Amino acid sequence: MSPDQPRVLVVEDEPAQREVLAYNLEAEGFAVSRAENGEEALLLINEEAPDIIVLDWMMPNLSGIEVCRRIKIRPETRGIPVIMLSARTEEVDKVRGLETGADDYVVKPYSVIELMARVRSQLRRVRPSTVGQRVEFEDIVLDGESHKVTRGPDELKLGPTEFRLLSTFMEKPGRVWSREQLLDRVWGRDIYVDTRTVDVHIGRLRKALTHYGGSDPVRTVRGAGYALG
């Protein structure tokens, strides 16, 4: 799996529905994890920190509504967008889903094309650079489509790893990322890299960002990791 691929967790107890969703998401270029019940979903969310969750309401034992409530009550996971899928068509059900914290609500049977558009819409909000969007922080501009970074009037030269590091930072300014989280997001879960490698690439990123002058926007948080701003 490429670290550039947005990660979608599909939570659906019906195997056929789950596979149709996963197939279409993978065809759109997403990395997909699958959970067949709410308990498995909560474990995967902790392990994989998906970028977005497509969550079925009607599941045995732990309902989608309860899973959504638990996701949104925790500071570490409340920022992950949740798209709720449900056969419930009543307005009161939609309101209940959204009040529980779901970011979008899609009624079954749904159009796959429409659902893909809604997934991309939510991703534009939380990981804009992965869908080719332009991201700005102070005088730094990162263009996800052209893979160019400028600071003020100057175009910066960044390697691919430094570009991914910067896009991760710029999507959530102020958030402190541990070395392990950066390894997972920038290098990918399937790649073994020593955590000290993160420090090397952070050094290269800082050098590139300050090449034409200006202060270093990358902050070291002692014992915790790094943040932008």
Protein backbone atom coordinates (compact mmCIF):
# COMPACT_ATOMS: atom_id res chain seq x y z
CA MET A 1 0.00 0.00 0.00
CA SER A 2 1.33 3.41 -0.94
CA PRO A 3 1.47 5.93 1.93
CA ASP A 4 -0.07 8.47 -0.44
CA GLN A 5 -3.30 6.45 -0.65
CA PRO A 6 -6.08 7.69 1.62
CA ARG A 7 -7.23 4.90 3.94
CA VAL A 8 -10.89 3.97 4.11
CA LEU A 9 -12.32 1.60 6.71
CA VAL A 10 -15.47 -0.17 5.50
CA VAL A 11 -17.64 -1.48 8.36
CA GLU A 12 -20.41 -3.71 7.01
CA ASP A 13 -21.72 -7.04 8.33
CA GLU A 14 -23.08 -8.20 4.95
CA PRO A 15 -20.13 -9.86 3.11
CA ALA A 16 -21.43 -9.09 -0.41
CA GLN A 17 -22.08 -5.41 0.40
CA ARG A 18 -18.69 -5.14 2.11
CA GLU A 19 -16.84 -6.51 -0.91
CA VAL A 20 -18.73 -4.36 -3.41
CA LEU A 21 -17.84 -1.27 -1.39
CA ALA A 22 -14.20 -2.33 -1.01
CA TYR A 23 -13.87 -3.18 -4.71
CA ASN A 24 -15.20 0.21 -5.84
CA LEU A 25 -13.10 2.15 -3.32
CA GLU A 26 -9.94 0.30 -4.36
CA ALA A 27 -10.78 0.96 -8.01
CA GLU A 28 -10.87 4.68 -7.10
CA GLY A 29 -7.35 4.45 -5.68
CA PHE A 30 -8.12 4.13 -1.97
CA ALA A 31 -6.46 1.72 0.44
CA VAL A 32 -9.29 -0.24 2.07
CA SER A 33 -9.57 -2.05 5.39
CA ARG A 34 -12.62 -4.17 6.17
CA ALA A 35 -14.48 -4.85 9.42
CA GLU A 36 -17.49 -7.13 9.67
CA ASN A 37 -18.76 -5.84 13.01
CA GLY A 38 -18.49 -2.89 15.37
CA GLU A 39 -16.01 -4.50 17.75
CA GLU A 40 -13.58 -5.29 14.93
CA ALA A 41 -14.03 -1.75 13.59
CA LEU A 42 -13.00 -0.16 16.90
CA LEU A 43 -9.88 -2.37 17.05
CA LEU A 44 -8.90 -1.45 13.47
CA ILE A 45 -9.47 2.25 14.10
CA ASN A 46 -6.97 2.12 16.96
CA GLU A 47 -4.46 0.12 14.93
CA GLU A 48 -4.69 1.84 11.56
CA ALA A 49 -6.07 5.37 12.12
CA PRO A 50 -8.07 5.46 8.84
CA ASP A 51 -8.65 8.75 7.05
CA ILE A 52 -12.39 8.07 6.68
CA ILE A 53 -14.91 5.45 7.83
CA VAL A 54 -17.88 4.11 5.84
CA LEU A 55 -20.10 2.65 8.55
CA ASP A 56 -23.29 0.58 8.32
CA TRP A 57 -25.95 1.46 10.89
CA MET A 58 -27.64 -1.94 11.26
CA MET A 59 -25.15 -4.44 12.69
CA PRO A 60 -25.59 -7.12 15.38
CA ASN A 61 -24.25 -6.57 18.92
CA LEU A 62 -22.65 -3.16 18.45
CA SER A 63 -24.67 -0.91 16.13
CA GLY A 64 -23.15 1.62 13.76
CA ILE A 65 -24.70 4.42 15.83
CA GLU A 66 -22.86 3.19 18.95
CA VAL A 67 -19.59 2.77 17.03
CA CYS A 68 -19.95 6.32 15.71
CA ARG A 69 -20.65 7.64 19.22
CA ARG A 70 -17.49 5.97 20.57
CA ILE A 71 -15.38 7.32 17.68
CA LYS A 72 -16.62 10.88 18.17
CA ILE A 73 -16.29 10.91 21.96
CA ARG A 74 -12.54 10.20 21.88
CA PRO A 75 -10.20 13.15 21.13
CA GLU A 76 -7.82 10.88 19.17
CA THR A 77 -10.50 9.71 16.72
CA ARG A 78 -13.23 12.38 16.69
CA GLY A 79 -11.67 14.10 13.67
CA ILE A 80 -12.07 11.03 11.42
CA PRO A 81 -15.03 11.60 9.06
CA VAL A 82 -17.81 8.99 9.32
CA ILE A 83 -20.23 8.32 6.46
CA MET A 84 -23.21 6.40 7.85
CA LEU A 85 -25.00 3.91 5.58
CA SER A 86 -28.56 2.97 6.46
CA ALA A 87 -31.75 1.52 5.02
CA ARG A 88 -33.62 3.83 7.40
CA THR A 89 -35.23 6.51 5.26
CA GLU A 90 -37.10 8.50 7.92
CA GLU A 91 -35.90 12.05 8.53
CA VAL A 92 -35.76 11.37 12.28
CA ASP A 93 -33.26 8.55 11.69
CA LYS A 94 -31.05 10.77 9.55
CA VAL A 95 -31.13 13.46 12.23
CA ARG A 96 -30.25 10.88 14.90
CA GLY A 97 -27.29 9.65 12.83
CA LEU A 98 -25.95 13.17 12.29
CA GLU A 99 -26.52 14.14 15.92
CA THR A 100 -24.46 11.13 17.00
CA GLY A 101 -21.56 12.67 15.07
CA ALA A 102 -21.79 11.18 11.58
CA ASP A 103 -20.42 13.61 8.99
CA ASP A 104 -22.70 12.34 6.23
CA TYR A 105 -25.68 9.99 5.92
CA VAL A 106 -26.38 7.85 2.84
CA VAL A 107 -29.61 5.89 2.42
CA LYS A 108 -29.57 2.35 0.98
CA PRO A 109 -29.85 1.45 -1.81
CA TYR A 110 -27.30 4.05 -2.82
CA SER A 111 -25.53 4.99 -6.02
CA VAL A 112 -21.89 3.87 -5.88
CA ILE A 113 -20.90 6.94 -7.92
CA GLU A 114 -22.62 9.23 -5.41
CA LEU A 115 -20.99 7.45 -2.45
CA MET A 116 -17.52 7.80 -4.03
CA ALA A 117 -18.20 11.52 -4.52
CA ARG A 118 -19.17 11.86 -0.86
CA VAL A 119 -16.03 10.02 0.26
CA ARG A 120 -13.89 12.39 -1.80
CA SER A 121 -15.79 15.38 -0.44
CA GLN A 122 -14.98 14.37 3.14
CA LEU A 123 -11.35 13.65 2.23
CA ARG A 124 -10.96 17.12 0.72
CA ARG A 125 -11.66 18.41 4.21
CA VAL A 126 -9.24 16.19 6.18
CA ARG A 127 -6.53 15.22 3.66
CA PRO A 128 -6.79 17.77 0.84
CA SER A 129 -3.38 17.10 -0.71
CA THR A 130 -4.25 13.44 -1.41
CA VAL A 131 -7.09 14.51 -3.72
CA GLY A 132 -5.01 17.10 -5.56
CA GLN A 133 -6.03 20.11 -3.51
CA ARG A 134 -3.96 23.18 -2.73
CA VAL A 135 -3.01 23.58 0.95
CA GLU A 136 -1.65 26.74 2.59
CA PHE A 137 0.09 27.50 5.88
CA GLU A 138 1.28 31.06 6.44
CA ASP A 139 3.49 31.81 3.39
CA ILE A 140 3.90 28.12 2.38
CA VAL A 141 1.71 26.74 -0.43
CA LEU A 142 1.59 23.04 -1.31
CA ASP A 143 -0.11 22.02 -4.56
CA GLY A 144 -1.14 18.37 -4.34
CA GLU A 145 -1.83 18.08 -8.07
CA SER A 146 1.42 19.50 -9.45
CA HIS A 147 3.51 18.36 -6.45
CA LYS A 148 4.99 21.85 -6.12
CA VAL A 149 5.75 23.76 -2.94
CA THR A 150 6.38 27.49 -2.76
CA ARG A 151 7.29 29.76 0.11
CA GLY A 152 6.52 33.32 -0.74
CA PRO A 153 7.83 33.92 -4.30
CA ASP A 154 10.26 30.98 -4.22
CA GLU A 155 9.67 27.42 -5.41
CA LEU A 156 11.20 24.91 -2.99
CA LYS A 157 12.94 21.69 -3.96
CA LEU A 158 11.64 18.80 -1.88
CA GLY A 159 12.22 15.08 -2.28
CA PRO A 160 9.14 12.82 -2.34
CA THR A 161 9.48 11.87 1.33
CA GLU A 162 9.86 15.49 2.42
CA PHE A 163 6.83 16.40 0.28
CA ARG A 164 4.71 13.75 2.04
CA LEU A 165 5.98 14.90 5.44
CA LEU A 166 5.08 18.50 4.68
CA SER A 167 1.62 17.61 3.33
CA THR A 168 0.95 15.60 6.51
CA PHE A 169 1.95 18.57 8.67
CA MET A 170 0.04 21.12 6.56
CA GLU A 171 -3.21 19.18 6.67
CA LYS A 172 -3.26 19.48 10.47
CA PRO A 173 -1.19 22.51 11.57
CA GLY A 174 -0.41 22.48 15.27
CA ARG A 175 -1.00 18.75 15.68
CA VAL A 176 1.92 16.92 17.28
CA TRP A 177 2.91 13.79 15.33
CA SER A 178 5.01 11.11 17.00
CA ARG A 179 7.81 9.49 14.98
CA GLU A 180 5.78 6.27 14.83
CA GLN A 181 2.73 8.11 13.46
CA LEU A 182 4.85 9.84 10.83
CA LEU A 183 6.43 6.53 9.81
CA ASP A 184 2.96 5.04 9.41
CA ARG A 185 1.55 7.99 7.45
CA VAL A 186 4.58 8.90 5.30
CA TRP A 187 6.40 5.60 4.74
CA GLY A 188 3.45 3.20 5.10
CA ARG A 189 2.56 0.45 7.55
CA ASP A 190 4.22 -2.31 5.54
CA ILE A 191 7.67 -0.69 5.42
CA TYR A 192 10.16 -1.14 8.24
CA VAL A 193 12.15 2.04 8.78
CA ASP A 194 14.04 3.04 11.92
CA THR A 195 12.45 5.95 13.77
CA ARG A 196 15.75 7.87 13.51
CA THR A 197 15.11 8.05 9.76
CA VAL A 198 12.26 10.45 10.56
CA ASP A 199 14.72 12.84 12.21
CA VAL A 200 16.95 12.76 9.12
CA HIS A 201 14.09 13.65 6.78
CA ILE A 202 12.74 16.30 9.16
CA GLY A 203 16.22 17.87 8.98
CA ARG A 204 16.07 17.83 5.17
CA LEU A 205 12.58 19.33 5.21
CA ARG A 206 13.70 22.14 7.51
CA LYS A 207 16.67 22.87 5.27
CA ALA A 208 14.43 23.07 2.19
CA LEU A 209 11.85 25.28 3.94
CA THR A 210 14.47 27.79 5.09
CA HIS A 211 16.63 27.66 1.94
CA TYR A 212 15.57 31.15 0.83
CA GLY A 213 15.31 32.55 4.35
CA GLY A 214 12.45 32.70 6.79
CA SER A 215 12.01 31.02 10.15
CA ASP A 216 11.79 27.26 10.61
CA PRO A 217 8.06 26.44 10.92
CA VAL A 218 8.63 22.84 12.09
CA ARG A 219 8.52 22.59 15.87
CA THR A 220 10.20 19.83 17.90
CA VAL A 221 8.06 18.76 20.86
CA ARG A 222 10.42 17.15 23.35
CA GLY A 223 9.46 13.56 24.10
CA ALA A 224 6.46 13.69 21.76
CA GLY A 225 7.46 14.38 18.15
CA TYR A 226 7.03 17.18 15.64
CA ALA A 227 4.42 19.76 14.65
CA LEU A 228 3.98 22.53 12.12
CA GLY A 229 3.54 25.88 13.82
